[in-house]
Amino acid sequence: MKLPLVELTLLEKLAEFDIWVTPFLGSIRDSPRFREVMDQVETVLTVRRLVNLRIKSNATYWLEQSAEAILHLRAVLKAGRWEELERHAFDAAPSLMGAA
């Protein structure tokens, strides 16, 4: 048996959407996957805001490599891993200067 095709107005479609989806929105918001995705979205928005505030300013010209380096340093600082970066840099410094 084939169901008849029913044409609905936009308001009828929204009402049907509310009937089927709205009761489940609470459980979706409580799911670990939803929180994980929202954390990713928040991270992306934070990085975008950082780029807009710190790197894109008037009379500032950045090469891509320099901008990436600044973003990397800022991320290391915010993650609380600055000391680790310093140790790594100082360990690598003698080999960069040609010392054996």
N, C-alpha and C. Protein backbone atom coordinates (compact mmCIF):
# COMPACT_ATOMS: atom_id res chain seq x y z
N MET A 1 0.84 -1.17 0.00
CA MET A 1 0.00 0.00 0.00
C MET A 1 0.89 1.24 0.00
N LYS A 2 0.60 2.13 -0.89
CA LYS A 2 1.38 3.36 -1.03
C LYS A 2 0.65 4.50 -0.33
N LEU A 3 1.41 5.26 0.46
CA LEU A 3 0.82 6.41 1.14
C LEU A 3 0.66 7.57 0.16
N PRO A 4 -0.41 8.32 0.31
CA PRO A 4 -0.61 9.46 -0.61
C PRO A 4 0.39 10.57 -0.29
N LEU A 5 0.80 11.27 -1.32
CA LEU A 5 1.68 12.41 -1.18
C LEU A 5 0.88 13.61 -0.70
N VAL A 6 1.34 14.21 0.39
CA VAL A 6 0.62 15.34 0.97
C VAL A 6 1.51 16.56 0.88
N GLU A 7 0.97 17.63 0.32
CA GLU A 7 1.69 18.90 0.26
C GLU A 7 1.36 19.70 1.50
N LEU A 8 2.40 20.09 2.24
CA LEU A 8 2.22 20.84 3.47
C LEU A 8 2.76 22.27 3.31
N THR A 9 2.12 23.18 4.01
CA THR A 9 2.63 24.55 4.02
C THR A 9 3.84 24.60 4.95
N LEU A 10 4.56 25.69 4.92
CA LEU A 10 5.73 25.84 5.77
C LEU A 10 5.34 25.74 7.25
N LEU A 11 4.24 26.36 7.63
CA LEU A 11 3.81 26.31 9.03
C LEU A 11 3.45 24.88 9.43
N GLU A 12 2.82 24.13 8.54
CA GLU A 12 2.48 22.74 8.83
C GLU A 12 3.75 21.89 8.95
N LYS A 13 4.74 22.17 8.10
CA LYS A 13 6.01 21.43 8.18
C LYS A 13 6.71 21.72 9.50
N LEU A 14 6.72 22.98 9.91
CA LEU A 14 7.35 23.34 11.18
C LEU A 14 6.62 22.70 12.36
N ALA A 15 5.30 22.66 12.30
CA ALA A 15 4.52 22.04 13.37
C ALA A 15 4.84 20.55 13.45
N GLU A 16 4.95 19.88 12.31
CA GLU A 16 5.29 18.46 12.30
C GLU A 16 6.71 18.23 12.81
N PHE A 17 7.60 19.11 12.43
CA PHE A 17 8.98 19.03 12.95
C PHE A 17 8.98 19.12 14.47
N ASP A 18 8.22 20.06 14.99
CA ASP A 18 8.14 20.23 16.45
C ASP A 18 7.59 18.98 17.13
N ILE A 19 6.64 18.34 16.51
CA ILE A 19 6.05 17.13 17.09
C ILE A 19 7.08 16.00 17.17
N TRP A 20 7.88 15.84 16.11
CA TRP A 20 8.80 14.71 16.05
C TRP A 20 10.17 14.99 16.67
N VAL A 21 10.68 16.18 16.57
CA VAL A 21 12.05 16.44 16.97
C VAL A 21 12.17 17.10 18.34
N THR A 22 11.35 18.05 18.65
CA THR A 22 11.48 18.83 19.88
C THR A 22 11.56 17.97 21.14
N PRO A 23 10.76 16.92 21.29
CA PRO A 23 10.87 16.12 22.52
C PRO A 23 12.25 15.49 22.73
N PHE A 24 13.02 15.30 21.66
CA PHE A 24 14.31 14.65 21.76
C PHE A 24 15.48 15.63 21.92
N LEU A 25 15.23 16.91 21.78
CA LEU A 25 16.32 17.89 21.86
C LEU A 25 17.01 17.87 23.22
N GLY A 26 16.27 17.66 24.29
CA GLY A 26 16.87 17.59 25.62
C GLY A 26 17.85 16.44 25.74
N SER A 27 17.46 15.30 25.22
CA SER A 27 18.37 14.14 25.30
C SER A 27 19.56 14.30 24.37
N ILE A 28 19.37 15.00 23.27
CA ILE A 28 20.49 15.25 22.36
C ILE A 28 21.50 16.16 23.05
N ARG A 29 21.02 17.22 23.71
CA ARG A 29 21.91 18.16 24.40
C ARG A 29 22.68 17.49 25.54
N ASP A 30 22.11 16.45 26.12
CA ASP A 30 22.76 15.77 27.23
C ASP A 30 23.74 14.70 26.78
N SER A 31 23.81 14.43 25.48
CA SER A 31 24.67 13.35 24.99
C SER A 31 26.14 13.78 24.98
N PRO A 32 27.06 12.83 25.20
CA PRO A 32 28.49 13.15 25.15
C PRO A 32 28.92 13.66 23.78
N ARG A 33 28.35 13.11 22.72
CA ARG A 33 28.72 13.54 21.36
C ARG A 33 28.36 15.00 21.13
N PHE A 34 27.21 15.44 21.61
CA PHE A 34 26.79 16.83 21.44
C PHE A 34 27.77 17.76 22.15
N ARG A 35 28.15 17.39 23.40
CA ARG A 35 29.10 18.21 24.14
C ARG A 35 30.45 18.25 23.43
N GLU A 36 30.88 17.12 22.87
CA GLU A 36 32.15 17.07 22.15
C GLU A 36 32.14 18.00 20.94
N VAL A 37 31.05 17.95 20.18
CA VAL A 37 30.93 18.81 19.00
C VAL A 37 30.88 20.28 19.41
N MET A 38 30.16 20.59 20.47
CA MET A 38 30.06 21.97 20.92
C MET A 38 31.42 22.48 21.41
N ASP A 39 32.21 21.62 22.04
CA ASP A 39 33.56 22.02 22.45
C ASP A 39 34.42 22.34 21.24
N GLN A 40 34.28 21.54 20.17
CA GLN A 40 35.03 21.80 18.94
C GLN A 40 34.60 23.12 18.32
N VAL A 41 33.31 23.37 18.31
CA VAL A 41 32.79 24.63 17.76
C VAL A 41 33.33 25.81 18.56
N GLU A 42 33.32 25.67 19.89
CA GLU A 42 33.83 26.74 20.74
C GLU A 42 35.31 26.99 20.48
N THR A 43 36.07 25.93 20.28
CA THR A 43 37.50 26.08 19.99
C THR A 43 37.71 26.82 18.68
N VAL A 44 36.95 26.43 17.66
CA VAL A 44 37.08 27.09 16.35
C VAL A 44 36.73 28.57 16.47
N LEU A 45 35.67 28.87 17.18
CA LEU A 45 35.27 30.28 17.35
C LEU A 45 36.31 31.07 18.13
N THR A 46 36.92 30.44 19.13
CA THR A 46 37.96 31.12 19.90
C THR A 46 39.17 31.42 19.03
N VAL A 47 39.57 30.46 18.22
CA VAL A 47 40.71 30.69 17.32
C VAL A 47 40.39 31.79 16.33
N ARG A 48 39.19 31.77 15.78
CA ARG A 48 38.79 32.81 14.82
C ARG A 48 38.83 34.19 15.48
N ARG A 49 38.32 34.26 16.71
CA ARG A 49 38.33 35.53 17.43
C ARG A 49 39.77 35.97 17.70
N LEU A 50 40.62 35.03 18.07
CA LEU A 50 42.03 35.34 18.32
C LEU A 50 42.69 35.89 17.06
N VAL A 51 42.45 35.25 15.94
CA VAL A 51 43.04 35.71 14.68
C VAL A 51 42.55 37.11 14.36
N ASN A 52 41.27 37.33 14.51
CA ASN A 52 40.73 38.65 14.17
C ASN A 52 41.24 39.74 15.10
N LEU A 53 41.38 39.43 16.38
CA LEU A 53 41.81 40.45 17.33
C LEU A 53 43.31 40.69 17.32
N ARG A 54 44.09 39.63 17.21
CA ARG A 54 45.54 39.75 17.40
C ARG A 54 46.33 39.87 16.11
N ILE A 55 45.88 39.25 15.07
CA ILE A 55 46.69 39.19 13.85
C ILE A 55 46.18 40.13 12.77
N LYS A 56 44.88 40.25 12.64
CA LYS A 56 44.33 41.13 11.61
C LYS A 56 44.11 42.52 12.19
N SER A 57 45.11 43.34 12.14
CA SER A 57 44.94 44.72 12.57
C SER A 57 45.44 45.64 11.46
N ASN A 58 45.05 46.88 11.54
CA ASN A 58 45.45 47.84 10.50
C ASN A 58 46.96 47.96 10.43
N ALA A 59 47.46 48.09 9.23
CA ALA A 59 48.89 48.28 8.95
C ALA A 59 49.75 47.12 9.44
N THR A 60 49.15 45.94 9.53
CA THR A 60 49.91 44.76 9.91
C THR A 60 49.97 43.82 8.72
N TYR A 61 51.16 43.38 8.39
CA TYR A 61 51.34 42.45 7.29
C TYR A 61 52.01 41.20 7.83
N TRP A 62 51.41 40.07 7.61
CA TRP A 62 51.94 38.80 8.11
C TRP A 62 52.18 37.85 6.95
N LEU A 63 53.30 37.21 6.99
CA LEU A 63 53.50 36.07 6.11
C LEU A 63 52.80 34.88 6.75
N GLU A 64 52.36 33.94 5.94
CA GLU A 64 51.62 32.79 6.48
C GLU A 64 52.45 32.04 7.53
N GLN A 65 53.73 31.84 7.26
CA GLN A 65 54.59 31.11 8.18
C GLN A 65 54.70 31.85 9.52
N SER A 66 54.82 33.17 9.48
CA SER A 66 54.94 33.94 10.72
C SER A 66 53.64 33.89 11.51
N ALA A 67 52.51 34.01 10.83
CA ALA A 67 51.22 33.98 11.51
C ALA A 67 51.00 32.61 12.16
N GLU A 68 51.37 31.54 11.46
CA GLU A 68 51.23 30.20 12.04
C GLU A 68 52.11 30.05 13.27
N ALA A 69 53.31 30.60 13.22
CA ALA A 69 54.22 30.52 14.37
C ALA A 69 53.64 31.25 15.58
N ILE A 70 53.08 32.43 15.36
CA ILE A 70 52.48 33.19 16.45
C ILE A 70 51.30 32.43 17.04
N LEU A 71 50.46 31.87 16.18
CA LEU A 71 49.31 31.09 16.66
C LEU A 71 49.77 29.87 17.45
N HIS A 72 50.83 29.23 16.99
CA HIS A 72 51.36 28.06 17.70
C HIS A 72 51.88 28.46 19.08
N LEU A 73 52.64 29.54 19.15
CA LEU A 73 53.14 30.01 20.44
C LEU A 73 52.01 30.37 21.39
N ARG A 74 51.01 31.02 20.87
CA ARG A 74 49.85 31.39 21.71
C ARG A 74 49.13 30.15 22.22
N ALA A 75 48.97 29.14 21.35
CA ALA A 75 48.30 27.91 21.77
C ALA A 75 49.11 27.18 22.84
N VAL A 76 50.43 27.15 22.69
CA VAL A 76 51.29 26.51 23.70
C VAL A 76 51.16 27.24 25.03
N LEU A 77 51.17 28.55 25.00
CA LEU A 77 51.04 29.35 26.21
C LEU A 77 49.70 29.08 26.90
N LYS A 78 48.62 29.11 26.12
CA LYS A 78 47.28 28.91 26.68
C LYS A 78 47.10 27.50 27.22
N ALA A 79 47.81 26.53 26.64
CA ALA A 79 47.70 25.14 27.10
C ALA A 79 48.56 24.88 28.33
N GLY A 80 49.31 25.89 28.77
CA GLY A 80 50.16 25.73 29.94
C GLY A 80 51.39 24.87 29.67
N ARG A 81 51.87 24.86 28.43
CA ARG A 81 53.01 24.02 28.06
C ARG A 81 54.22 24.86 27.66
N TRP A 82 54.29 26.09 28.16
CA TRP A 82 55.38 26.99 27.76
C TRP A 82 56.74 26.46 28.21
N GLU A 83 56.81 25.95 29.45
CA GLU A 83 58.08 25.42 29.96
C GLU A 83 58.57 24.25 29.11
N GLU A 84 57.65 23.42 28.69
CA GLU A 84 58.02 22.28 27.83
C GLU A 84 58.61 22.78 26.51
N LEU A 85 58.01 23.83 25.96
CA LEU A 85 58.53 24.41 24.71
C LEU A 85 59.93 25.00 24.93
N GLU A 86 60.11 25.68 26.07
CA GLU A 86 61.43 26.24 26.37
C GLU A 86 62.49 25.15 26.47
N ARG A 87 62.17 24.06 27.20
CA ARG A 87 63.13 22.96 27.33
C ARG A 87 63.48 22.39 25.96
N HIS A 88 62.48 22.19 25.14
CA HIS A 88 62.71 21.65 23.80
C HIS A 88 63.58 22.60 22.97
N ALA A 89 63.28 23.89 23.07
CA ALA A 89 64.05 24.87 22.29
C ALA A 89 65.50 24.92 22.75
N PHE A 90 65.71 24.89 24.06
CA PHE A 90 67.09 24.94 24.57
C PHE A 90 67.84 23.65 24.28
N ASP A 91 67.16 22.52 24.28
CA ASP A 91 67.81 21.25 23.94
C ASP A 91 68.23 21.24 22.47
N ALA A 92 67.42 21.87 21.62
CA ALA A 92 67.71 21.89 20.18
C ALA A 92 68.72 22.98 19.81
N ALA A 93 68.89 23.99 20.66
CA ALA A 93 69.73 25.14 20.34
C ALA A 93 71.18 24.76 20.00
N PRO A 94 71.85 23.90 20.75
CA PRO A 94 73.24 23.57 20.39
C PRO A 94 73.37 22.96 19.00
N SER A 95 72.44 22.11 18.62
CA SER A 95 72.53 21.49 17.28
C SER A 95 72.25 22.51 16.19
N LEU A 96 71.44 23.54 16.50
CA LEU A 96 71.17 24.57 15.51
C LEU A 96 72.37 25.50 15.32
N MET A 97 73.18 25.63 16.34
CA MET A 97 74.34 26.51 16.28
C MET A 97 75.58 25.80 15.75
N GLY A 98 75.44 24.54 15.41
CA GLY A 98 76.57 23.80 14.83
C GLY A 98 77.44 23.13 15.84
N ALA A 99 77.05 23.14 17.13
CA ALA A 99 77.86 22.47 18.16
C ALA A 99 77.61 20.98 18.09
N ALA A 100 78.61 20.20 18.41
CA ALA A 100 78.46 18.74 18.37
C ALA A 100 78.23 18.18 19.74
